[in-house]
PDB file of N, CA and C in Angstrom:
ATOM      1  N   MET A   1     -20.051  10.964  -4.362  1.00  0.00           N
ATOM      2  CA  MET A   1     -20.452  10.502  -5.658  1.00  0.00           C
ATOM      3  C   MET A   1     -21.562  11.083  -5.931  1.00  0.00           C
ATOM      4  N   SER A   2     -22.024  12.169  -6.597  1.00  0.00           N
ATOM      5  CA  SER A   2     -23.149  12.924  -6.688  1.00  0.00           C
ATOM      6  C   SER A   2     -24.340  11.882  -7.549  1.00  0.00           C
ATOM      7  N   ALA A   3     -25.380  11.654  -7.599  1.00  0.00           N
ATOM      8  CA  ALA A   3     -26.110  10.903  -7.996  1.00  0.00           C
ATOM      9  C   ALA A   3     -26.118  11.089  -9.969  1.00  0.00           C
ATOM     10  N   GLY A   4     -25.725  12.157 -10.420  1.00  0.00           N
ATOM     11  CA  GLY A   4     -25.410  12.605 -11.448  1.00  0.00           C
ATOM     12  C   GLY A   4     -24.081  12.116 -12.163  1.00  0.00           C
ATOM     13  N   GLU A   5     -23.106  11.483 -11.482  1.00  0.00           N
ATOM     14  CA  GLU A   5     -22.029  11.341 -11.798  1.00  0.00           C
ATOM     15  C   GLU A   5     -21.873   9.791 -12.447  1.00  0.00           C
ATOM     16  N   PRO A   6     -21.400   9.857 -13.736  1.00  0.00           N
ATOM     17  CA  PRO A   6     -20.782   8.747 -14.659  1.00  0.00           C
ATOM     18  C   PRO A   6     -20.352   8.003 -14.111  1.00  0.00           C
ATOM     19  N   GLN A   7     -20.637   6.628 -14.125  1.00  0.00           N
ATOM     20  CA  GLN A   7     -19.940   5.575 -13.229  1.00  0.00           C
ATOM     21  C   GLN A   7     -19.305   4.708 -14.743  1.00  0.00           C
ATOM     22  N   SER A   8     -17.780   4.224 -14.460  1.00  0.00           N
ATOM     23  CA  SER A   8     -17.446   2.850 -15.574  1.00  0.00           C
ATOM     24  C   SER A   8     -17.304   2.145 -14.503  1.00  0.00           C
ATOM     25  N   SER A   9     -16.842   1.075 -15.170  1.00  0.00           N
ATOM     26  CA  SER A   9     -16.606  -0.496 -14.454  1.00  0.00           C
ATOM     27  C   SER A   9     -14.933  -0.085 -13.719  1.00  0.00           C
ATOM     28  N   ASN A  10     -14.122   0.776 -14.006  1.00  0.00           N
ATOM     29  CA  ASN A  10     -12.994   0.794 -13.234  1.00  0.00           C
ATOM     30  C   ASN A  10     -12.908   1.906 -12.477  1.00  0.00           C
ATOM     31  N   SER A  11     -14.193   2.703 -12.413  1.00  0.00           N
ATOM     32  CA  SER A  11     -13.862   4.111 -11.161  1.00  0.00           C
ATOM     33  C   SER A  11     -15.408   3.522 -10.608  1.00  0.00           C
ATOM     34  N   GLU A  12     -15.827   2.674 -10.196  1.00  0.00           N
ATOM     35  CA  GLU A  12     -17.081   2.713  -9.637  1.00  0.00           C
ATOM     36  C   GLU A  12     -16.860   2.735  -7.784  1.00  0.00           C
ATOM     37  N   TRP A  13     -17.756   3.182  -7.136  1.00  0.00           N
ATOM     38  CA  TRP A  13     -17.725   2.790  -5.623  1.00  0.00           C
ATOM     39  C   TRP A  13     -18.313   1.489  -5.394  1.00  0.00           C
ATOM     40  N   HIS A  14     -17.331   0.840  -4.312  1.00  0.00           N
ATOM     41  CA  HIS A  14     -18.617  -0.579  -4.048  1.00  0.00           C
ATOM     42  C   HIS A  14     -18.419  -0.643  -2.503  1.00  0.00           C
ATOM     43  N   ASP A  15     -19.597  -1.026  -1.861  1.00  0.00           N
ATOM     44  CA  ASP A  15     -19.989  -0.975  -0.942  1.00  0.00           C
ATOM     45  C   ASP A  15     -19.385  -2.213  -0.208  1.00  0.00           C
ATOM     46  N   VAL A  16     -18.533  -2.284   0.757  1.00  0.00           N
ATOM     47  CA  VAL A  16     -17.988  -3.309   1.333  1.00  0.00           C
ATOM     48  C   VAL A  16     -18.371  -3.871   2.721  1.00  0.00           C
ATOM     49  N   CYS A  17     -19.007  -2.702   3.357  1.00  0.00           N
ATOM     50  CA  CYS A  17     -19.443  -3.554   4.574  1.00  0.00           C
ATOM     51  C   CYS A  17     -20.424  -2.162   5.538  1.00  0.00           C
ATOM     52  N   ALA A  18     -20.664  -2.749   6.822  1.00  0.00           N
ATOM     53  CA  ALA A  18     -21.283  -1.659   7.630  1.00  0.00           C
ATOM     54  C   ALA A  18     -20.143  -0.994   8.286  1.00  0.00           C
ATOM     55  N   GLU A  19     -19.886   0.116   8.772  1.00  0.00           N
ATOM     56  CA  GLU A  19     -19.528   0.784   9.556  1.00  0.00           C
ATOM     57  C   GLU A  19     -19.101   0.135  11.038  1.00  0.00           C
ATOM     58  N   SER A  20     -20.360  -0.191  11.476  1.00  0.00           N
ATOM     59  CA  SER A  20     -20.354  -0.945  12.903  1.00  0.00           C
ATOM     60  C   SER A  20     -19.624  -2.148  12.912  1.00  0.00           C
ATOM     61  N   GLU A  21     -19.306  -2.842  11.428  1.00  0.00           N
ATOM     62  CA  GLU A  21     -18.707  -4.338  11.647  1.00  0.00           C
ATOM     63  C   GLU A  21     -17.067  -3.645  11.973  1.00  0.00           C
ATOM     64  N   LEU A  22     -16.564  -2.790  11.834  1.00  0.00           N
ATOM     65  CA  LEU A  22     -15.315  -2.535  11.712  1.00  0.00           C
ATOM     66  C   LEU A  22     -14.821  -2.264  13.212  1.00  0.00           C
ATOM     67  N   ASP A  23     -13.659  -3.108  13.572  1.00  0.00           N
ATOM     68  CA  ASP A  23     -13.223  -3.300  15.019  1.00  0.00           C
ATOM     69  C   ASP A  23     -11.744  -2.456  14.710  1.00  0.00           C
ATOM     70  N   PRO A  24     -11.355  -1.571  15.602  1.00  0.00           N
ATOM     71  CA  PRO A  24     -10.025  -1.570  15.590  1.00  0.00           C
ATOM     72  C   PRO A  24      -8.680  -2.472  15.799  1.00  0.00           C
ATOM     73  N   GLU A  25      -8.842  -3.524  16.702  1.00  0.00           N
ATOM     74  CA  GLU A  25      -8.018  -4.299  16.616  1.00  0.00           C
ATOM     75  C   GLU A  25      -7.992  -5.557  15.372  1.00  0.00           C
ATOM     76  N   PHE A  26      -9.228  -5.711  14.779  1.00  0.00           N
ATOM     77  CA  PHE A  26      -9.284  -6.821  13.668  1.00  0.00           C
ATOM     78  C   PHE A  26      -9.832  -6.054  12.374  1.00  0.00           C
ATOM     79  N   PRO A  27      -8.571  -5.592  11.542  1.00  0.00           N
ATOM     80  CA  PRO A  27      -8.946  -5.257  10.528  1.00  0.00           C
ATOM     81  C   PRO A  27      -9.877  -6.099   9.449  1.00  0.00           C
ATOM     82  N   LEU A  28     -10.802  -5.612   8.438  1.00  0.00           N
ATOM     83  CA  LEU A  28     -11.354  -6.530   7.594  1.00  0.00           C
ATOM     84  C   LEU A  28     -11.194  -6.692   6.121  1.00  0.00           C
ATOM     85  N   SER A  29     -10.926  -7.792   6.086  1.00  0.00           N
ATOM     86  CA  SER A  29     -10.776  -8.079   4.094  1.00  0.00           C
ATOM     87  C   SER A  29     -11.892  -8.475   3.581  1.00  0.00           C
ATOM     88  N   VAL A  30     -11.680  -7.352   2.900  1.00  0.00           N
ATOM     89  CA  VAL A  30     -13.027  -7.427   1.736  1.00  0.00           C
ATOM     90  C   VAL A  30     -12.178  -7.627  -0.012  1.00  0.00           C
ATOM     91  N   GLU A  31     -13.048  -8.155  -0.841  1.00  0.00           N
ATOM     92  CA  GLU A  31     -12.305  -8.222  -2.430  1.00  0.00           C
ATOM     93  C   GLU A  31     -13.703  -7.436  -3.071  1.00  0.00           C
ATOM     94  N   VAL A  32     -12.626  -6.682  -3.947  1.00  0.00           N
ATOM     95  CA  VAL A  32     -13.343  -5.657  -4.790  1.00  0.00           C
ATOM     96  C   VAL A  32     -12.609  -5.637  -6.140  1.00  0.00           C
ATOM     97  N   GLU A  33     -13.565  -5.841  -7.053  1.00  0.00           N
ATOM     98  CA  GLU A  33     -13.083  -5.726  -8.491  1.00  0.00           C
ATOM     99  C   GLU A  33     -11.917  -7.049  -8.556  1.00  0.00           C
ATOM    100  N   GLY A  34     -11.662  -8.007  -7.679  1.00  0.00           N
ATOM    101  CA  GLY A  34     -10.995  -9.172  -7.583  1.00  0.00           C
ATOM    102  C   GLY A  34      -9.797  -8.945  -7.095  1.00  0.00           C
ATOM    103  N   GLU A  35      -9.736  -7.762  -6.387  1.00  0.00           N
ATOM    104  CA  GLU A  35      -8.301  -7.484  -5.710  1.00  0.00           C
ATOM    105  C   GLU A  35      -8.689  -7.363  -3.993  1.00  0.00           C
ATOM    106  N   LYS A  36      -7.716  -7.601  -3.577  1.00  0.00           N
ATOM    107  CA  LYS A  36      -7.783  -7.702  -1.833  1.00  0.00           C
ATOM    108  C   LYS A  36      -7.879  -6.509  -1.429  1.00  0.00           C
ATOM    109  N   VAL A  37      -8.427  -6.065  -0.542  1.00  0.00           N
ATOM    110  CA  VAL A  37      -8.468  -4.598  -0.074  1.00  0.00           C
ATOM    111  C   VAL A  37      -8.567  -4.913   1.629  1.00  0.00           C
ATOM    112  N   GLY A  38      -7.939  -4.361   2.142  1.00  0.00           N
ATOM    113  CA  GLY A  38      -7.797  -4.288   3.850  1.00  0.00           C
ATOM    114  C   GLY A  38      -8.544  -3.007   4.260  1.00  0.00           C
ATOM    115  N   VAL A  39      -9.527  -3.308   5.448  1.00  0.00           N
ATOM    116  CA  VAL A  39     -10.259  -2.113   5.390  1.00  0.00           C
ATOM    117  C   VAL A  39      -9.840  -2.065   7.238  1.00  0.00           C
ATOM    118  N   PHE A  40      -9.284  -1.039   7.649  1.00  0.00           N
ATOM    119  CA  PHE A  40      -8.764  -0.336   8.972  1.00  0.00           C
ATOM    120  C   PHE A  40      -9.399   0.208   9.764  1.00  0.00           C
ATOM    121  N   LYS A  41      -9.710   0.453  10.790  1.00  0.00           N
ATOM    122  CA  LYS A  41      -9.944   1.551  11.506  1.00  0.00           C
ATOM    123  C   LYS A  41      -9.326   2.055  13.058  1.00  0.00           C
ATOM    124  N   VAL A  42      -9.064   3.388  12.635  1.00  0.00           N
ATOM    125  CA  VAL A  42      -7.602   3.663  13.572  1.00  0.00           C
ATOM    126  C   VAL A  42      -8.509   5.142  13.924  1.00  0.00           C
ATOM    127  N   GLY A  43      -8.852   4.847  15.396  1.00  0.00           N
ATOM    128  CA  GLY A  43      -9.624   5.629  16.071  1.00  0.00           C
ATOM    129  C   GLY A  43     -10.746   6.166  15.365  1.00  0.00           C
ATOM    130  N   ASP A  44     -11.372   7.307  14.986  1.00  0.00           N
ATOM    131  CA  ASP A  44     -12.379   7.544  14.253  1.00  0.00           C
ATOM    132  C   ASP A  44     -12.325   7.401  12.873  1.00  0.00           C
ATOM    133  N   GLN A  45     -10.980   7.255  12.272  1.00  0.00           N
ATOM    134  CA  GLN A  45     -10.921   7.256  10.887  1.00  0.00           C
ATOM    135  C   GLN A  45     -10.573   5.582  10.267  1.00  0.00           C
ATOM    136  N   VAL A  46     -11.257   5.460   8.932  1.00  0.00           N
ATOM    137  CA  VAL A  46     -11.185   4.173   8.517  1.00  0.00           C
ATOM    138  C   VAL A  46     -10.215   4.574   7.010  1.00  0.00           C
ATOM    139  N   TYR A  47      -9.900   3.476   6.643  1.00  0.00           N
ATOM    140  CA  TYR A  47      -9.029   3.194   5.679  1.00  0.00           C
ATOM    141  C   TYR A  47      -8.922   2.392   4.722  1.00  0.00           C
ATOM    142  N   ALA A  48      -8.618   2.215   3.725  1.00  0.00           N
ATOM    143  CA  ALA A  48      -8.699   1.061   2.764  1.00  0.00           C
ATOM    144  C   ALA A  48      -7.220   0.969   2.149  1.00  0.00           C
ATOM    145  N   LEU A  49      -6.650  -0.223   2.242  1.00  0.00           N
ATOM    146  CA  LEU A  49      -5.333  -0.532   1.875  1.00  0.00           C
ATOM    147  C   LEU A  49      -5.016  -1.836   0.850  1.00  0.00           C
ATOM    148  N   GLU A  50      -4.353  -1.767  -0.110  1.00  0.00           N
ATOM    149  CA  GLU A  50      -4.350  -3.182  -0.654  1.00  0.00           C
ATOM    150  C   GLU A  50      -3.651  -4.180   0.686  1.00  0.00           C
ATOM    151  N   ASP A  51      -4.382  -5.029   0.589  1.00  0.00           N
ATOM    152  CA  ASP A  51      -4.317  -5.910   1.633  1.00  0.00           C
ATOM    153  C   ASP A  51      -3.071  -7.075   1.602  1.00  0.00           C
ATOM    154  N   ILE A  52      -2.390  -6.998   0.285  1.00  0.00           N
ATOM    155  CA  ILE A  52      -1.523  -8.496   0.041  1.00  0.00           C
ATOM    156  C   ILE A  52      -0.443  -7.586   0.195  1.00  0.00           C
ATOM    157  N   CYS A  53       0.810  -8.314   1.058  1.00  0.00           N
ATOM    158  CA  CYS A  53       2.134  -7.844   1.839  1.00  0.00           C
ATOM    159  C   CYS A  53       2.614  -7.867   0.376  1.00  0.00           C
ATOM    160  N   PRO A  54       3.634  -6.966  -0.201  1.00  0.00           N
ATOM    161  CA  PRO A  54       4.565  -6.817  -1.199  1.00  0.00           C
ATOM    162  C   PRO A  54       5.491  -7.376  -1.073  1.00  0.00           C
ATOM    163  N   HIS A  55       5.884  -7.742   0.327  1.00  0.00           N
ATOM    164  CA  HIS A  55       7.113  -8.761   0.584  1.00  0.00           C
ATOM    165  C   HIS A  55       6.885 -10.394  -0.353  1.00  0.00           C
ATOM    166  N   ALA A  56       5.906 -10.795   0.598  1.00  0.00           N
ATOM    167  CA  ALA A  56       5.601 -12.165   0.263  1.00  0.00           C
ATOM    168  C   ALA A  56       4.163 -12.380   0.588  1.00  0.00           C
ATOM    169  N   TYR A  57       3.296 -13.581  -0.385  1.00  0.00           N
ATOM    170  CA  TYR A  57       1.792 -13.433  -0.205  1.00  0.00           C
ATOM    171  C   TYR A  57       1.523 -13.540   1.247  1.00  0.00           C
ATOM    172  N   ALA A  58       1.170 -12.508   2.161  1.00  0.00           N
ATOM    173  CA  ALA A  58       0.087 -12.577   3.302  1.00  0.00           C
ATOM    174  C   ALA A  58      -0.971 -11.537   3.265  1.00  0.00           C
ATOM    175  N   LEU A  59      -1.829 -12.047   3.890  1.00  0.00           N
ATOM    176  CA  LEU A  59      -3.072 -10.799   3.910  1.00  0.00           C
ATOM    177  C   LEU A  59      -2.776 -10.084   5.468  1.00  0.00           C
ATOM    178  N   LEU A  60      -2.483  -8.768   5.078  1.00  0.00           N
ATOM    179  CA  LEU A  60      -1.826  -7.842   5.964  1.00  0.00           C
ATOM    180  C   LEU A  60      -3.159  -7.748   6.867  1.00  0.00           C
ATOM    181  N   SER A  61      -4.286  -7.537   6.433  1.00  0.00           N
ATOM    182  CA  SER A  61      -5.477  -7.804   7.466  1.00  0.00           C
ATOM    183  C   SER A  61      -5.388  -8.896   8.753  1.00  0.00           C
ATOM    184  N   GLN A  62      -4.515  -9.847   8.557  1.00  0.00           N
ATOM    185  CA  GLN A  62      -4.386 -11.052   9.592  1.00  0.00           C
ATOM    186  C   GLN A  62      -3.288 -10.500  10.293  1.00  0.00           C
ATOM    187  N   GLY A  63      -2.481  -9.559  10.181  1.00  0.00           N
ATOM    188  CA  GLY A  63      -1.649  -9.218  10.829  1.00  0.00           C
ATOM    189  C   GLY A  63      -1.945  -8.540  12.480  1.00  0.00           C
ATOM    190  N   PHE A  64      -0.946  -7.719  12.669  1.00  0.00           N
ATOM    191  CA  PHE A  64      -1.057  -7.313  14.506  1.00  0.00           C
ATOM    192  C   PHE A  64      -1.330  -5.755  14.060  1.00  0.00           C
ATOM    193  N   GLN A  65      -2.382  -5.084  14.182  1.00  0.00           N
ATOM    194  CA  GLN A  65      -2.397  -3.830  14.214  1.00  0.00           C
ATOM    195  C   GLN A  65      -2.379  -3.042  15.551  1.00  0.00           C
ATOM    196  N   GLU A  66      -1.788  -1.819  15.485  1.00  0.00           N
ATOM    197  CA  GLU A  66      -1.320  -0.920  17.022  1.00  0.00           C
ATOM    198  C   GLU A  66      -0.694   0.215  16.469  1.00  0.00           C
ATOM    199  N   ASN A  67      -1.141   1.296  17.272  1.00  0.00           N
ATOM    200  CA  ASN A  67      -1.045   2.538  16.914  1.00  0.00           C
ATOM    201  C   ASN A  67      -0.941   3.071  15.663  1.00  0.00           C
ATOM    202  N   GLY A  68      -1.669   2.530  14.668  1.00  0.00           N
ATOM    203  CA  GLY A  68      -1.981   3.139  13.435  1.00  0.00           C
ATOM    204  C   GLY A  68      -1.194   2.603  12.503  1.00  0.00           C
ATOM    205  N   GLN A  69      -0.531   1.447  12.703  1.00  0.00           N
ATOM    206  CA  GLN A  69       0.543   0.373  12.085  1.00  0.00           C
ATOM    207  C   GLN A  69       0.140  -0.977  11.862  1.00  0.00           C
ATOM    208  N   ILE A  70      -0.035  -1.502  10.575  1.00  0.00           N
ATOM    209  CA  ILE A  70      -0.160  -2.860  10.703  1.00  0.00           C
ATOM    210  C   ILE A  70       1.258  -3.849  10.468  1.00  0.00           C
ATOM    211  N   GLU A  71       1.214  -5.056  10.964  1.00  0.00           N
ATOM    212  CA  GLU A  71       2.504  -5.957  10.962  1.00  0.00           C
ATOM    213  C   GLU A  71       2.163  -6.907  10.191  1.00  0.00           C
ATOM    214  N   CYS A  72       3.112  -7.060   8.936  1.00  0.00           N
ATOM    215  CA  CYS A  72       2.480  -8.488   8.219  1.00  0.00           C
ATOM    216  C   CYS A  72       2.863  -9.877   9.233  1.00  0.00           C
ATOM    217  N   PRO A  73       1.858 -10.620   9.185  1.00  0.00           N
ATOM    218  CA  PRO A  73       1.673 -11.729   9.948  1.00  0.00           C
ATOM    219  C   PRO A  73       2.991 -12.763   9.697  1.00  0.00           C
ATOM    220  N   LEU A  74       3.303 -12.903   8.123  1.00  0.00           N
ATOM    221  CA  LEU A  74       4.284 -13.727   7.793  1.00  0.00           C
ATOM    222  C   LEU A  74       6.031 -13.425   8.592  1.00  0.00           C
ATOM    223  N   HIS A  75       5.938 -11.983   7.717  1.00  0.00           N
ATOM    224  CA  HIS A  75       7.842 -11.688   8.021  1.00  0.00           C
ATOM    225  C   HIS A  75       8.017 -10.474   8.778  1.00  0.00           C
ATOM    226  N   GLY A  76       6.793  -9.574   9.341  1.00  0.00           N
ATOM    227  CA  GLY A  76       6.901  -8.734  10.355  1.00  0.00           C
ATOM    228  C   GLY A  76       7.006  -7.087   9.673  1.00  0.00           C
ATOM    229  N   ALA A  77       6.785  -6.945   7.867  1.00  0.00           N
ATOM    230  CA  ALA A  77       6.915  -5.722   7.356  1.00  0.00           C
ATOM    231  C   ALA A  77       6.072  -5.006   8.036  1.00  0.00           C
ATOM    232  N   LEU A  78       5.927  -3.634   8.274  1.00  0.00           N
ATOM    233  CA  LEU A  78       5.412  -2.763   8.905  1.00  0.00           C
ATOM    234  C   LEU A  78       5.141  -1.328   8.334  1.00  0.00           C
ATOM    235  N   PHE A  79       3.744  -1.489   8.063  1.00  0.00           N
ATOM    236  CA  PHE A  79       3.151  -0.320   7.302  1.00  0.00           C
ATOM    237  C   PHE A  79       2.297   0.809   8.034  1.00  0.00           C
ATOM    238  N   ASP A  80       2.493   1.690   7.840  1.00  0.00           N
ATOM    239  CA  ASP A  80       1.382   2.840   8.285  1.00  0.00           C
ATOM    240  C   ASP A  80       0.254   2.975   7.790  1.00  0.00           C
ATOM    241  N   ILE A  81      -0.606   2.578   8.519  1.00  0.00           N
ATOM    242  CA  ILE A  81      -1.985   2.549   7.673  1.00  0.00           C
ATOM    243  C   ILE A  81      -3.101   3.825   7.139  1.00  0.00           C
ATOM    244  N   ALA A  82      -2.588   4.796   8.024  1.00  0.00           N
ATOM    245  CA  ALA A  82      -3.079   6.362   7.215  1.00  0.00           C
ATOM    246  C   ALA A  82      -2.154   6.380   5.883  1.00  0.00           C
ATOM    247  N   THR A  83      -1.024   6.233   5.417  1.00  0.00           N
ATOM    248  CA  THR A  83      -0.822   6.475   4.330  1.00  0.00           C
ATOM    249  C   THR A  83      -0.200   5.223   3.251  1.00  0.00           C
ATOM    250  N   GLY A  84      -0.168   4.288   3.777  1.00  0.00           N
ATOM    251  CA  GLY A  84       0.247   3.082   3.304  1.00  0.00           C
ATOM    252  C   GLY A  84       1.717   2.836   2.834  1.00  0.00           C
ATOM    253  N   MET A  85       2.519   4.031   3.919  1.00  0.00           N
ATOM    254  CA  MET A  85       4.109   4.235   3.914  1.00  0.00           C
ATOM    255  C   MET A  85       4.795   2.783   4.585  1.00  0.00           C
ATOM    256  N   SER A  86       5.833   2.280   3.712  1.00  0.00           N
ATOM    257  CA  SER A  86       6.521   0.976   4.252  1.00  0.00           C
ATOM    258  C   SER A  86       7.486   1.539   5.576  1.00  0.00           C
ATOM    259  N   LEU A  87       7.364   1.233   6.654  1.00  0.00           N
ATOM    260  CA  LEU A  87       7.942   1.640   7.716  1.00  0.00           C
ATOM    261  C   LEU A  87       9.236   0.645   7.752  1.00  0.00           C
ATOM    262  N   THR A  88       9.266  -0.097   7.292  1.00  0.00           N
ATOM    263  CA  THR A  88      10.766  -1.370   7.490  1.00  0.00           C
ATOM    264  C   THR A  88      11.200  -1.922   5.877  1.00  0.00           C
ATOM    265  N   GLU A  89      12.569  -1.966   5.901  1.00  0.00           N
ATOM    266  CA  GLU A  89      12.896  -2.452   4.671  1.00  0.00           C
ATOM    267  C   GLU A  89      12.153  -3.777   4.107  1.00  0.00           C
ATOM    268  N   ILE A  90      11.812  -4.745   4.845  1.00  0.00           N
ATOM    269  CA  ILE A  90      11.388  -5.652   4.249  1.00  0.00           C
ATOM    270  C   ILE A  90       9.987  -5.530   3.260  1.00  0.00           C
ATOM    271  N   GLY A  91       9.524  -4.539   3.770  1.00  0.00           N
ATOM    272  CA  GLY A  91       7.974  -4.410   3.307  1.00  0.00           C
ATOM    273  C   GLY A  91       8.312  -4.198   1.561  1.00  0.00           C
ATOM    274  N   GLN A  92       9.514  -3.705   1.003  1.00  0.00           N
ATOM    275  CA  GLN A  92      10.168  -3.463  -0.391  1.00  0.00           C
ATOM    276  C   GLN A  92       9.101  -2.289  -1.006  1.00  0.00           C
ATOM    277  N   ARG A  93       7.997  -1.734  -0.628  1.00  0.00           N
ATOM    278  CA  ARG A  93       7.409  -0.638  -1.124  1.00  0.00           C
ATOM    279  C   ARG A  93       6.249  -0.410  -0.275  1.00  0.00           C
ATOM    280  N   ASP A  94       5.973   0.886  -0.667  1.00  0.00           N
ATOM    281  CA  ASP A  94       4.420   1.268   0.017  1.00  0.00           C
ATOM    282  C   ASP A  94       3.290   0.658  -0.525  1.00  0.00           C
ATOM    283  N   LEU A  95       2.283   0.737   0.265  1.00  0.00           N
ATOM    284  CA  LEU A  95       0.795  -0.023  -0.252  1.00  0.00           C
ATOM    285  C   LEU A  95       0.175   1.119  -0.876  1.00  0.00           C
ATOM    286  N   THR A  96      -0.978   0.690  -1.834  1.00  0.00           N
ATOM    287  CA  THR A  96      -1.622   1.219  -2.316  1.00  0.00           C
ATOM    288  C   THR A  96      -2.875   1.745  -1.536  1.00  0.00           C
ATOM    289  N   CYS A  97      -3.031   3.206  -1.582  1.00  0.00           N
ATOM    290  CA  CYS A  97      -4.199   3.363  -0.647  1.00  0.00           C
ATOM    291  C   CYS A  97      -5.694   3.549  -1.416  1.00  0.00           C
ATOM    292  N   HIS A  98      -6.543   3.186  -1.148  1.00  0.00           N
ATOM    293  CA  HIS A  98      -7.779   3.662  -1.861  1.00  0.00           C
ATOM    294  C   HIS A  98      -8.691   4.216  -1.314  1.00  0.00           C
ATOM    295  N   LYS A  99      -9.479   5.165  -2.444  1.00  0.00           N
ATOM    296  CA  LYS A  99     -10.453   6.328  -1.547  1.00  0.00           C
ATOM    297  C   LYS A  99     -11.560   5.328  -1.029  1.00  0.00           C
ATOM    298  N   LEU A 100     -12.093   6.056   0.181  1.00  0.00           N
ATOM    299  CA  LEU A 100     -13.054   5.504   0.825  1.00  0.00           C
ATOM    300  C   LEU A 100     -14.032   6.446   1.308  1.00  0.00           C
ATOM    301  N   LYS A 101     -15.045   5.944   1.574  1.00  0.00           N
ATOM    302  CA  LYS A 101     -16.148   7.475   1.908  1.00  0.00           C
ATOM    303  C   LYS A 101     -17.235   6.493   2.571  1.00  0.00           C
ATOM    304  N   ILE A 102     -17.803   7.078   3.630  1.00  0.00           N
ATOM    305  CA  ILE A 102     -18.802   6.337   4.471  1.00  0.00           C
ATOM    306  C   ILE A 102     -20.082   7.362   4.462  1.00  0.00           C
ATOM    307  N   GLU A 103     -21.099   6.428   3.916  1.00  0.00           N
ATOM    308  CA  GLU A 103     -22.742   7.049   3.974  1.00  0.00           C
ATOM    309  C   GLU A 103     -23.567   6.275   4.178  1.00  0.00           C
ATOM    310  N   SER A 104     -24.255   6.828   5.250  1.00  0.00           N
ATOM    311  CA  SER A 104     -25.819   6.021   6.227  1.00  0.00           C
ATOM    312  C   SER A 104     -25.042   4.913   6.571  1.00  0.00           C
ATOM    313  N   GLY A 105     -23.982   4.732   7.338  1.00  0.00           N
ATOM    314  CA  GLY A 105     -23.506   3.488   7.898  1.00  0.00           C
ATOM    315  C   GLY A 105     -22.875   2.666   7.397  1.00  0.00           C
ATOM    316  N   ARG A 106     -22.395   2.630   6.040  1.00  0.00           N
ATOM    317  CA  ARG A 106     -22.004   1.979   4.873  1.00  0.00           C
ATOM    318  C   ARG A 106     -20.331   2.074   4.584  1.00  0.00           C
ATOM    319  N   VAL A 107     -19.357   1.215   4.309  1.00  0.00           N
ATOM    320  CA  VAL A 107     -18.197   1.638   3.935  1.00  0.00           C
ATOM    321  C   VAL A 107     -18.570   1.684   2.414  1.00  0.00           C
ATOM    322  N   TRP A 108     -17.647   2.373   1.774  1.00  0.00           N
ATOM    323  CA  TRP A 108     -17.499   2.509   0.157  1.00  0.00           C
ATOM    324  C   TRP A 108     -16.273   2.643  -0.350  1.00  0.00           C
ATOM    325  N   VAL A 109     -15.561   1.683  -1.069  1.00  0.00           N
ATOM    326  CA  VAL A 109     -14.582   1.920  -1.514  1.00  0.00           C
ATOM    327  C   VAL A 109     -14.306   2.112  -3.078  1.00  0.00           C
ATOM    328  N   LYS A 110     -13.343   2.728  -3.825  1.00  0.00           N
ATOM    329  CA  LYS A 110     -13.228   2.746  -5.088  1.00  0.00           C
ATOM    330  C   LYS A 110     -11.677   2.880  -5.080  1.00  0.00           C
ATOM    331  N   LEU A 111     -11.394   2.046  -5.903  1.00  0.00           N
ATOM    332  CA  LEU A 111     -10.036   1.282  -6.457  1.00  0.00           C
ATOM    333  C   LEU A 111      -9.594   2.032  -7.334  1.00  0.00           C
ATOM    334  N   HIS A 112      -9.927   2.578  -8.194  1.00  0.00           N
ATOM    335  CA  HIS A 112      -9.090   3.064  -9.268  1.00  0.00           C
ATOM    336  C   HIS A 112      -9.677   4.551  -9.669  1.00  0.00           C
ATOM    337  N   ALA A 113      -9.436   5.800  -8.622  1.00  0.00           N
ATOM    338  CA  ALA A 113      -9.971   6.922  -9.109  1.00  0.00           C
ATOM    339  C   ALA A 113      -9.169   7.694 -10.126  1.00  0.00           C
ATOM    340  N   ALA A 114     -10.044   8.626 -10.855  1.00  0.00           N
ATOM    341  CA  ALA A 114      -9.334   9.183 -12.001  1.00  0.00           C
ATOM    342  C   ALA A 114      -8.649  10.560 -11.461  1.00  0.00           C
TER     343      ALA A 114
END
């Protein structure tokens, strides 16, 4: 985001955590504009996905993360972290992926990109 870029309430970047807080084995759950967002570290990459499983209310960030996938702690729905793609039928649909950037060691998330 450039210094002169206009911001509106639904297109704003939100500072959600320090990059140093992220652990590849333990995703982080944050709330942005009233929405639960999971922040996942996979290798050197960081991703932001909707954090509520579409199958039944459960925070995916409390699930088991391995090999670039997150497993829902409630019923085992499996999702690809990089794409949000549902990898099992129980997942019902793909997850929403949010824009993410890292600046000066801080993780920023944008929910509703234009």
